[in-house]
Amino acid sequence: MKCLIKSGRVVDPASGIDEIRDILVSGGKIEKIAKNITDKADRTMDAKGMIVSPGLVDMHAHLREPGREDKETIRTGTRAAVRGGFTSVACMPNTEPAIDSRGIVKAVKNMITNGAACNVFIIGAVTARRAGKELADIAGMKAEGVVAVSDDGSPVSDPLVMAKAMKACEKAGLVLVDHCEDKALSGNGVMNKGFISTKMGLRGIPRESEYEAIRRDIDLAGKTKASIHIAHVSCKESVDIIRKAKRAGVRVTAETAPHYFSLTEDCCVTYDTNTKMNPPLRSKEDAEALKKGLSDGTIDVIATDHAPHTDSEKDVEFDFAPFGIIGLETALSLSVTELVDAGVLSWSGLIGKLSSNPAGILGIGRGSLKKGSPADIVIIDPDAKYTYSKESIESKSKNSPFIGWELKGRAVSVMVGGDIVMKDGRITKE
């Protein structure tokens, strides 16, 4: 089937395109991008006034399956992804059991085939059971198709184990997605350490627990010549360390998440457990440093760190609630408001952070509208305003601090491999 997308503002950083063009899709691939395409098509979509870009790519999502299907499943998580404009997500391995062997990777691939509404790429564990003691079968998992490894949710605290992991990843041609946290420093903390945590009577997580771990692992990466990707950067010092490492030639990339540049620790004063995450929300100064890091290229990627939890898990005292929030459905809108409308990033810059950059880091062959590329496309209404409501959430869990917010900019139609999986805001993929 041929589909013609007409008159949209095509924004494709990988091709250097940002202008009004048509896109012809055939056989699940991009056949042509040009002005005023007149070829006959089975279906025509009017994109006048819209942004048309490569489908968004989230390189950091927790889909919870297998093991915690009460929180999320591949089906519900990928429907949430489609709602947010994502056509590809990389799922983290902190499942039950952890994705740490070829056999489990194969089982998850079968689950993806049977339930996913969009592309799902698998990230395997760095260490067996994510316990930080001995390496997982990194080479075997690569052969089975994983696109990266990570013990996300837990750091690899032993520097000798981390150095071995970096060497194994370099040999296998995989990037290591690094959860940087010094557990000896963060301890049992539940929010950013400072005046507000003291006032609230809550244990604090010092910023050193993040940036000193980043400093250590960047040093190891420099020595091993490995490629590492720093997950969920939250504070100013981390941005400074990564910036200096890039200038020194270390093979390091980094991400942050929308909640870190949209919220601050001040939000925690209500004791709303949907403001509890790891790393924690930091100060206004940190949020501004993250925006600067996004603007100057120090931070390469905006990822969601989509972390679903049930209402019963979150509806407890702040100390006892799990860390994390859902983010697939709000990432684009928050980024439009906080970055594009605020002049931090252009539309091309934003799409790069949300699509071509993460795709390139993972090496998944997505994030581009070049001729012959898979037809993963999102059509975005940049001016659409809507109220994010609990009832509208596609994710199985509803743990978001943004419920009730008026947001701007949203995906209206999504195509995955040439198939229209969302049209005019309605998900068509079952």
Protein backbone atom coordinates (compact mmCIF):
# COMPACT_ATOMS: atom_id res chain seq x y z
CA MET A 1 0.00 0.00 0.00
CA LYS A 2 1.19 3.50 -0.83
CA CYS A 3 0.55 6.40 1.52
CA LEU A 4 1.17 10.05 0.70
CA ILE A 5 1.70 12.57 3.50
CA LYS A 6 1.07 16.03 2.08
CA SER A 7 2.24 19.54 2.92
CA GLY A 8 3.79 18.95 6.35
CA ARG A 9 6.83 20.71 7.76
CA VAL A 10 9.28 17.83 7.46
CA VAL A 11 11.91 17.97 10.21
CA ASP A 12 14.58 15.32 9.75
CA PRO A 13 17.93 16.21 11.38
CA ALA A 14 19.60 13.12 9.90
CA SER A 15 18.93 14.47 6.39
CA GLY A 16 19.29 18.14 7.23
CA ILE A 17 15.70 18.81 6.17
CA ASP A 18 13.42 21.41 7.77
CA GLU A 19 10.89 22.63 5.23
CA ILE A 20 7.47 21.96 3.71
CA ARG A 21 7.57 18.72 1.78
CA ASP A 22 5.54 15.64 0.88
CA ILE A 23 6.50 12.08 1.84
CA LEU A 24 5.58 9.00 -0.17
CA VAL A 25 5.59 5.70 1.70
CA SER A 26 5.57 2.36 -0.11
CA GLY A 27 6.20 -1.19 1.06
CA GLY A 28 6.83 -0.03 4.61
CA LYS A 29 9.70 2.27 3.58
CA ILE A 30 10.29 5.87 2.60
CA GLU A 31 10.09 5.98 -1.20
CA LYS A 32 10.36 9.70 -1.81
CA ILE A 33 10.55 13.09 -0.08
CA ALA A 34 9.97 16.08 -2.32
CA LYS A 35 7.86 19.14 -2.92
CA ASN A 36 4.47 18.51 -4.50
CA ILE A 37 4.60 14.75 -5.06
CA THR A 38 1.93 13.81 -7.61
CA ASP A 39 2.26 10.01 -7.54
CA LYS A 40 -0.95 8.09 -7.02
CA ALA A 41 -1.38 6.66 -3.51
CA ASP A 42 -3.88 4.39 -1.81
CA ARG A 43 -4.15 6.83 1.08
CA THR A 44 -3.41 10.52 1.50
CA MET A 45 -2.85 12.26 4.83
CA ASP A 46 -3.05 16.05 5.03
CA ALA A 47 -0.28 17.33 7.31
CA LYS A 48 -0.64 21.06 6.63
CA GLY A 49 0.37 23.04 9.72
CA MET A 50 1.93 19.94 11.28
CA ILE A 51 5.47 18.81 12.06
CA VAL A 52 6.33 15.55 10.28
CA SER A 53 9.40 13.82 11.67
CA PRO A 54 11.03 10.42 12.14
CA GLY A 55 9.22 8.44 14.81
CA LEU A 56 10.52 9.23 18.28
CA VAL A 57 12.94 6.77 19.88
CA ASP A 58 13.03 6.21 23.65
CA MET A 59 16.24 4.49 24.66
CA HIS A 60 15.26 4.14 28.33
CA ALA A 61 11.89 2.60 29.21
CA HIS A 62 10.76 0.04 31.76
CA LEU A 63 8.06 -2.21 30.30
CA ARG A 64 8.05 -4.53 33.37
CA GLU A 65 7.30 -7.70 31.40
CA PRO A 66 8.17 -10.39 32.36
CA GLY A 67 7.40 -10.51 36.05
CA ARG A 68 5.54 -7.31 36.93
CA GLU A 69 2.64 -7.31 34.52
CA ASP A 70 0.54 -5.68 37.25
CA LYS A 71 2.54 -2.48 36.56
CA GLU A 72 2.92 -2.61 32.78
CA THR A 73 3.01 -5.00 29.86
CA ILE A 74 4.66 -4.79 26.48
CA ARG A 75 1.23 -4.16 24.99
CA THR A 76 0.19 -1.35 27.35
CA GLY A 77 3.65 0.20 27.43
CA THR A 78 3.94 0.34 23.65
CA ARG A 79 0.43 1.79 23.34
CA ALA A 80 1.58 4.53 25.72
CA ALA A 81 4.65 4.97 23.51
CA VAL A 82 2.53 5.37 20.38
CA ARG A 83 0.29 7.87 22.16
CA GLY A 84 3.42 9.92 22.88
CA GLY A 85 4.74 9.75 19.31
CA PHE A 86 7.34 7.03 19.93
CA THR A 87 7.75 4.37 17.27
CA SER A 88 10.67 2.62 18.98
CA VAL A 89 11.46 1.95 22.62
CA ALA A 90 14.41 0.19 24.24
CA CYS A 91 13.28 -1.82 27.25
CA MET A 92 15.44 -2.03 30.35
CA PRO A 93 16.40 -5.40 31.85
CA ASN A 94 15.20 -4.90 35.45
CA THR A 95 12.41 -7.40 34.93
CA GLU A 96 11.70 -10.53 36.99
CA PRO A 97 13.78 -12.44 36.08
CA ALA A 98 16.35 -9.95 34.84
CA ILE A 99 17.18 -10.06 31.12
CA ASP A 100 20.68 -11.47 31.60
CA SER A 101 20.92 -14.48 29.25
CA ARG A 102 20.23 -15.55 25.68
CA GLY A 103 17.27 -17.64 26.79
CA ILE A 104 15.50 -14.75 28.49
CA VAL A 105 16.25 -12.43 25.56
CA LYS A 106 14.64 -14.99 23.25
CA ALA A 107 11.58 -15.23 25.49
CA VAL A 108 11.17 -11.44 25.58
CA LYS A 109 11.48 -11.30 21.80
CA ASN A 110 8.50 -13.65 21.57
CA MET A 111 6.52 -11.42 23.93
CA ILE A 112 7.34 -8.42 21.75
CA THR A 113 6.21 -10.22 18.60
CA ASN A 114 2.89 -11.10 20.21
CA GLY A 115 2.06 -7.85 21.97
CA ALA A 116 3.95 -4.75 20.82
CA ALA A 117 2.23 -1.79 19.14
CA CYS A 118 5.60 -0.37 18.02
CA ASN A 119 9.23 -1.44 17.68
CA VAL A 120 10.80 -2.72 20.90
CA PHE A 121 14.56 -3.18 21.21
CA ILE A 122 16.00 -5.11 24.14
CA ILE A 123 18.68 -3.93 26.54
CA GLY A 124 20.37 -6.79 28.39
CA ALA A 125 21.87 -6.73 31.88
CA VAL A 126 25.52 -5.95 32.50
CA THR A 127 25.83 -8.43 35.37
CA ALA A 128 24.09 -11.67 36.23
CA ARG A 129 20.78 -10.93 37.99
CA ARG A 130 21.87 -7.28 37.97
CA ALA A 131 23.70 -8.09 41.18
CA GLY A 132 26.93 -6.32 40.23
CA LYS A 133 29.15 -9.33 40.97
CA GLU A 134 29.83 -11.22 37.76
CA LEU A 135 29.26 -10.37 34.12
CA ALA A 136 26.17 -11.54 32.31
CA ASP A 137 26.57 -13.32 28.96
CA ILE A 138 27.12 -10.09 27.05
CA ALA A 139 28.38 -11.72 23.86
CA GLY A 140 25.58 -14.28 23.86
CA MET A 141 22.91 -11.64 24.37
CA LYS A 142 24.42 -9.54 21.55
CA ALA A 143 24.16 -12.58 19.28
CA GLU A 144 20.49 -12.87 20.28
CA GLY A 145 19.85 -9.24 19.36
CA VAL A 146 20.22 -6.92 22.36
CA VAL A 147 21.16 -3.36 21.38
CA ALA A 148 22.91 -2.31 24.62
CA VAL A 149 23.50 -3.48 28.18
CA SER A 150 22.67 -1.83 31.49
CA ASP A 151 22.02 -2.68 35.13
CA ASP A 152 19.73 0.35 35.29
CA GLY A 153 18.12 0.75 38.68
CA SER A 154 21.33 -0.54 40.19
CA PRO A 155 24.92 0.67 39.71
CA VAL A 156 27.89 -1.58 39.00
CA SER A 157 29.70 -0.52 42.16
CA ASP A 158 32.85 -2.63 41.83
CA PRO A 159 35.26 -0.77 39.52
CA LEU A 160 36.98 -4.02 38.50
CA VAL A 161 33.66 -5.51 37.38
CA MET A 162 32.79 -2.29 35.55
CA ALA A 163 36.14 -2.25 33.75
CA LYS A 164 35.60 -5.86 32.64
CA ALA A 165 32.08 -4.95 31.48
CA MET A 166 33.38 -2.05 29.42
CA LYS A 167 35.96 -4.26 27.74
CA ALA A 168 33.32 -6.93 27.04
CA CYS A 169 30.99 -4.31 25.55
CA GLU A 170 33.74 -2.88 23.41
CA LYS A 171 34.52 -6.37 22.08
CA ALA A 172 30.83 -7.08 21.41
CA GLY A 173 30.20 -3.69 19.81
CA LEU A 174 27.62 -2.63 22.40
CA VAL A 175 27.16 0.61 24.30
CA LEU A 176 26.94 0.38 28.09
CA VAL A 177 24.04 2.44 29.46
CA ASP A 178 25.36 3.49 32.84
CA HIS A 179 23.29 4.01 35.99
CA CYS A 180 25.72 6.21 37.90
CA GLU A 181 25.10 6.12 41.63
CA ASP A 182 27.40 5.69 44.60
CA LYS A 183 25.21 3.67 46.97
CA ALA A 184 27.51 4.41 49.88
CA LEU A 185 26.64 8.08 49.42
CA SER A 186 22.97 7.85 48.45
CA GLY A 187 22.23 5.31 51.16
CA ASN A 188 18.56 5.28 52.10
CA GLY A 189 17.88 8.77 50.77
CA VAL A 190 14.54 9.54 49.17
CA MET A 191 14.96 13.06 47.70
CA ASN A 192 17.62 15.66 46.95
CA LYS A 193 19.73 16.47 49.99
CA GLY A 194 19.43 20.10 51.02
CA PHE A 195 17.34 22.65 52.85
CA ILE A 196 14.02 21.27 51.61
CA SER A 197 14.76 17.66 52.58
CA THR A 198 15.83 18.85 56.03
CA LYS A 199 12.69 20.96 56.40
CA MET A 200 10.51 18.02 55.36
CA GLY A 201 12.30 15.58 57.64
CA LEU A 202 13.25 13.27 54.75
CA ARG A 203 16.58 11.56 54.16
CA GLY A 204 18.56 13.27 51.40
CA ILE A 205 20.45 11.92 48.40
CA PRO A 206 23.58 14.06 47.89
CA ARG A 207 24.43 15.17 44.38
CA GLU A 208 27.90 13.64 44.88
CA SER A 209 26.33 10.19 44.69
CA GLU A 210 25.65 10.87 41.00
CA TYR A 211 28.52 12.99 39.79
CA GLU A 212 31.33 11.15 41.58
CA ALA A 213 30.07 7.88 40.06
CA ILE A 214 30.01 9.57 36.64
CA ARG A 215 33.55 10.83 37.20
CA ARG A 216 34.74 7.30 38.05
CA ASP A 217 33.11 5.64 35.06
CA ILE A 218 34.22 8.28 32.59
CA ASP A 219 37.77 7.71 33.84
CA LEU A 220 37.34 3.95 33.31
CA ALA A 221 35.89 4.52 29.85
CA GLY A 222 38.87 6.64 28.92
CA LYS A 223 41.26 3.92 30.04
CA THR A 224 39.40 1.05 28.36
CA LYS A 225 38.51 3.03 25.20
CA ALA A 226 34.92 1.85 25.64
CA SER A 227 31.73 3.65 24.65
CA ILE A 228 29.42 4.55 27.54
CA HIS A 229 26.11 6.33 27.76
CA ILE A 230 25.25 8.10 31.02
CA ALA A 231 21.62 7.59 32.00
CA HIS A 232 19.24 10.11 33.61
CA VAL A 233 21.62 13.01 34.28
CA SER A 234 20.12 15.29 36.94
CA CYS A 235 22.64 17.79 38.28
CA LYS A 236 24.93 20.61 37.20
CA GLU A 237 28.21 18.96 38.20
CA SER A 238 27.39 15.91 36.08
CA VAL A 239 26.86 18.10 33.02
CA ASP A 240 30.19 19.82 33.62
CA ILE A 241 32.06 16.51 33.98
CA ILE A 242 30.51 15.08 30.80
CA ARG A 243 31.23 18.27 28.87
CA LYS A 244 34.92 18.15 29.82
CA ALA A 245 35.14 14.43 29.02
CA LYS A 246 33.73 14.96 25.53
CA ARG A 247 36.25 17.71 24.89
CA ALA A 248 38.98 15.31 26.01
CA GLY A 249 37.87 12.71 23.47
CA VAL A 250 36.22 10.19 25.81
CA ARG A 251 33.54 8.18 23.99
CA VAL A 252 30.67 9.28 26.21
CA THR A 253 27.09 10.25 25.46
CA ALA A 254 24.40 11.26 27.92
CA GLU A 255 20.68 11.62 28.45
CA THR A 256 18.32 13.43 30.73
CA ALA A 257 14.57 13.05 31.18
CA PRO A 258 11.81 15.68 30.88
CA HIS A 259 11.02 15.65 34.60
CA TYR A 260 14.52 16.85 35.39
CA PHE A 261 14.14 20.05 33.35
CA SER A 262 10.40 20.52 34.03
CA LEU A 263 10.29 19.99 37.82
CA THR A 264 12.48 20.78 40.82
CA GLU A 265 12.81 19.53 44.39
CA ASP A 266 10.28 22.19 45.43
CA CYS A 267 7.58 19.90 44.04
CA CYS A 268 8.31 17.38 46.80
CA VAL A 269 6.97 19.66 49.56
CA THR A 270 3.48 18.18 49.07
CA TYR A 271 4.87 14.71 49.88
CA ASP A 272 3.39 13.54 46.55
CA THR A 273 5.16 10.24 45.90
CA ASN A 274 4.89 10.91 42.16
CA THR A 275 7.71 13.41 42.69
CA LYS A 276 9.96 10.67 44.08
CA MET A 277 12.49 9.38 41.57
CA ASN A 278 16.10 8.23 41.36
CA PRO A 279 18.14 10.28 40.78
CA PRO A 280 15.92 12.78 42.59
CA LEU A 281 14.54 16.07 41.38
CA ARG A 282 17.20 18.70 41.99
CA SER A 283 17.31 22.52 42.18
CA LYS A 284 16.26 25.19 39.68
CA GLU A 285 19.97 25.79 39.01
CA ASP A 286 20.37 22.13 38.06
CA ALA A 287 17.37 22.27 35.72
CA GLU A 288 18.88 25.30 33.98
CA ALA A 289 22.24 23.51 33.68
CA LEU A 290 20.50 20.57 32.01
CA LYS A 291 18.87 22.90 29.51
CA LYS A 292 22.24 24.45 28.74
CA GLY A 293 23.71 20.96 28.33
CA LEU A 294 20.95 20.07 25.88
CA SER A 295 21.48 23.30 23.98
CA ASP A 296 25.27 22.97 23.60
CA GLY A 297 25.24 19.25 22.80
CA THR A 298 26.70 17.97 26.06
CA ILE A 299 23.47 16.02 26.61
CA ASP A 300 22.68 14.05 23.47
CA VAL A 301 19.34 12.46 24.27
CA ILE A 302 16.01 13.09 25.94
CA ALA A 303 14.76 9.74 27.29
CA THR A 304 11.65 9.09 29.36
CA ASP A 305 12.90 6.68 32.05
CA HIS A 306 9.28 5.48 31.93
CA ALA A 307 8.89 3.68 35.28
CA PRO A 308 5.35 2.44 35.93
CA HIS A 309 4.18 1.59 39.45
CA THR A 310 0.74 0.64 40.74
CA ASP A 311 -1.45 3.02 42.73
CA SER A 312 -1.12 0.82 45.80
CA GLU A 313 2.68 1.00 45.63
CA LYS A 314 2.71 4.78 45.34
CA ASP A 315 -0.13 5.46 47.80
CA VAL A 316 2.10 5.13 50.87
CA GLU A 317 4.39 7.35 52.91
CA PHE A 318 7.10 9.10 50.87
CA ASP A 319 9.84 7.04 52.54
CA PHE A 320 8.34 3.73 51.43
CA ALA A 321 7.13 4.50 47.90
CA PRO A 322 9.16 3.18 44.94
CA PHE A 323 11.16 5.58 42.81
CA GLY A 324 9.95 6.58 39.35
CA ILE A 325 7.16 7.94 37.18
CA ILE A 326 5.62 7.16 33.80
CA GLY A 327 6.77 9.40 30.97
CA LEU A 328 6.11 8.07 27.49
CA GLU A 329 2.92 10.07 26.95
CA THR A 330 4.17 13.43 28.23
CA ALA A 331 7.81 13.60 27.08
CA LEU A 332 7.11 15.33 23.77
CA SER A 333 4.72 17.92 25.20
CA LEU A 334 6.97 18.79 28.13
CA SER A 335 9.94 19.14 25.78
CA VAL A 336 7.99 21.43 23.45
CA THR A 337 6.98 23.69 26.34
CA GLU A 338 10.25 23.76 28.26
CA LEU A 339 12.70 23.65 25.36
CA VAL A 340 11.23 24.70 22.00
CA ASP A 341 8.85 27.41 23.20
CA ALA A 342 11.51 28.65 25.62
CA GLY A 343 14.10 28.95 22.83
CA VAL A 344 16.46 26.31 24.26
CA LEU A 345 16.19 24.04 21.21
CA SER A 346 14.87 24.41 17.68
CA TRP A 347 12.42 21.84 16.38
CA SER A 348 15.29 20.18 14.54
CA GLY A 349 17.33 20.15 17.74
CA LEU A 350 14.47 18.60 19.69
CA ILE A 351 13.79 15.87 17.11
CA GLY A 352 17.49 15.07 17.15
CA LYS A 353 17.42 14.52 20.91
CA LEU A 354 14.24 12.45 20.69
CA SER A 355 14.90 10.43 17.55
CA SER A 356 18.08 10.43 15.46
CA ASN A 357 20.52 10.71 18.37
CA PRO A 358 19.19 7.81 20.47
CA ALA A 359 18.77 5.70 17.35
CA GLY A 360 22.37 6.39 16.38
CA ILE A 361 23.75 5.60 19.83
CA LEU A 362 21.92 2.26 19.87
CA GLY A 363 22.67 1.53 16.21
CA ILE A 364 19.11 0.47 15.45
CA GLY A 365 18.68 1.94 11.96
CA ARG A 366 15.83 4.26 12.90
CA GLY A 367 15.47 8.00 13.42
CA SER A 368 15.69 9.04 9.76
CA LEU A 369 13.37 9.78 6.84
CA LYS A 370 16.02 9.10 4.20
CA LYS A 371 14.92 7.20 1.11
CA GLY A 372 14.78 3.49 1.85
CA SER A 373 14.50 3.95 5.62
CA PRO A 374 11.73 2.17 7.56
CA ALA A 375 8.61 4.31 7.44
CA ASP A 376 8.49 5.14 11.15
CA ILE A 377 6.86 8.56 11.14
CA VAL A 378 5.13 10.84 13.63
CA ILE A 379 2.87 13.75 12.72
CA ILE A 380 2.86 16.38 15.48
CA ASP A 381 0.46 19.25 16.07
CA PRO A 382 2.86 21.80 17.59
CA ASP A 383 0.08 24.09 18.81
CA ALA A 384 -2.36 21.54 20.24
CA LYS A 385 -3.25 22.25 23.86
CA TYR A 386 -4.75 19.60 26.09
CA THR A 387 -5.13 18.66 29.72
CA TYR A 388 -3.31 15.48 30.69
CA SER A 389 -5.89 13.41 32.56
CA LYS A 390 -5.71 10.12 34.39
CA GLU A 391 -8.54 8.75 32.27
CA SER A 392 -6.60 9.34 29.04
CA ILE A 393 -3.48 7.42 30.07
CA GLU A 394 -2.68 4.35 27.97
CA SER A 395 -0.07 3.03 30.39
CA LYS A 396 -1.31 0.42 32.84
CA SER A 397 0.03 2.57 35.69
CA LYS A 398 -0.93 6.17 36.33
CA ASN A 399 1.96 7.44 38.46
CA SER A 400 2.59 10.88 36.97
CA PRO A 401 3.03 14.28 38.63
CA PHE A 402 1.79 15.92 35.43
CA ILE A 403 -1.84 14.79 35.70
CA GLY A 404 -4.00 17.90 35.53
CA TRP A 405 -1.35 19.95 33.70
CA GLU A 406 -2.28 21.80 30.53
CA LEU A 407 0.28 20.70 27.94
CA LYS A 408 1.12 21.89 24.44
CA GLY A 409 2.24 19.97 21.38
CA ARG A 410 1.26 16.36 20.83
CA ALA A 411 1.49 13.49 18.37
CA VAL A 412 -1.71 13.13 16.34
CA SER A 413 -0.79 10.34 13.92
CA VAL A 414 1.90 7.67 14.03
CA MET A 415 3.18 5.22 11.43
CA VAL A 416 5.35 2.19 12.26
CA GLY A 417 6.92 0.36 9.33
CA GLY A 418 4.38 1.91 7.00
CA ASP A 419 1.40 0.83 9.11
CA ILE A 420 -0.73 3.59 10.60
CA VAL A 421 -0.96 2.72 14.31
CA MET A 422 -2.48 6.03 15.43
CA LYS A 423 -4.67 8.32 13.33
CA ASP A 424 -6.03 11.66 14.50
CA GLY A 425 -5.28 10.80 18.12
CA ARG A 426 -6.94 7.37 18.03
CA ILE A 427 -4.77 4.26 18.38
CA THR A 428 -5.69 1.81 15.63
CA LYS A 429 -3.27 -0.97 16.59
CA GLU A 430 -4.80 -3.70 18.77
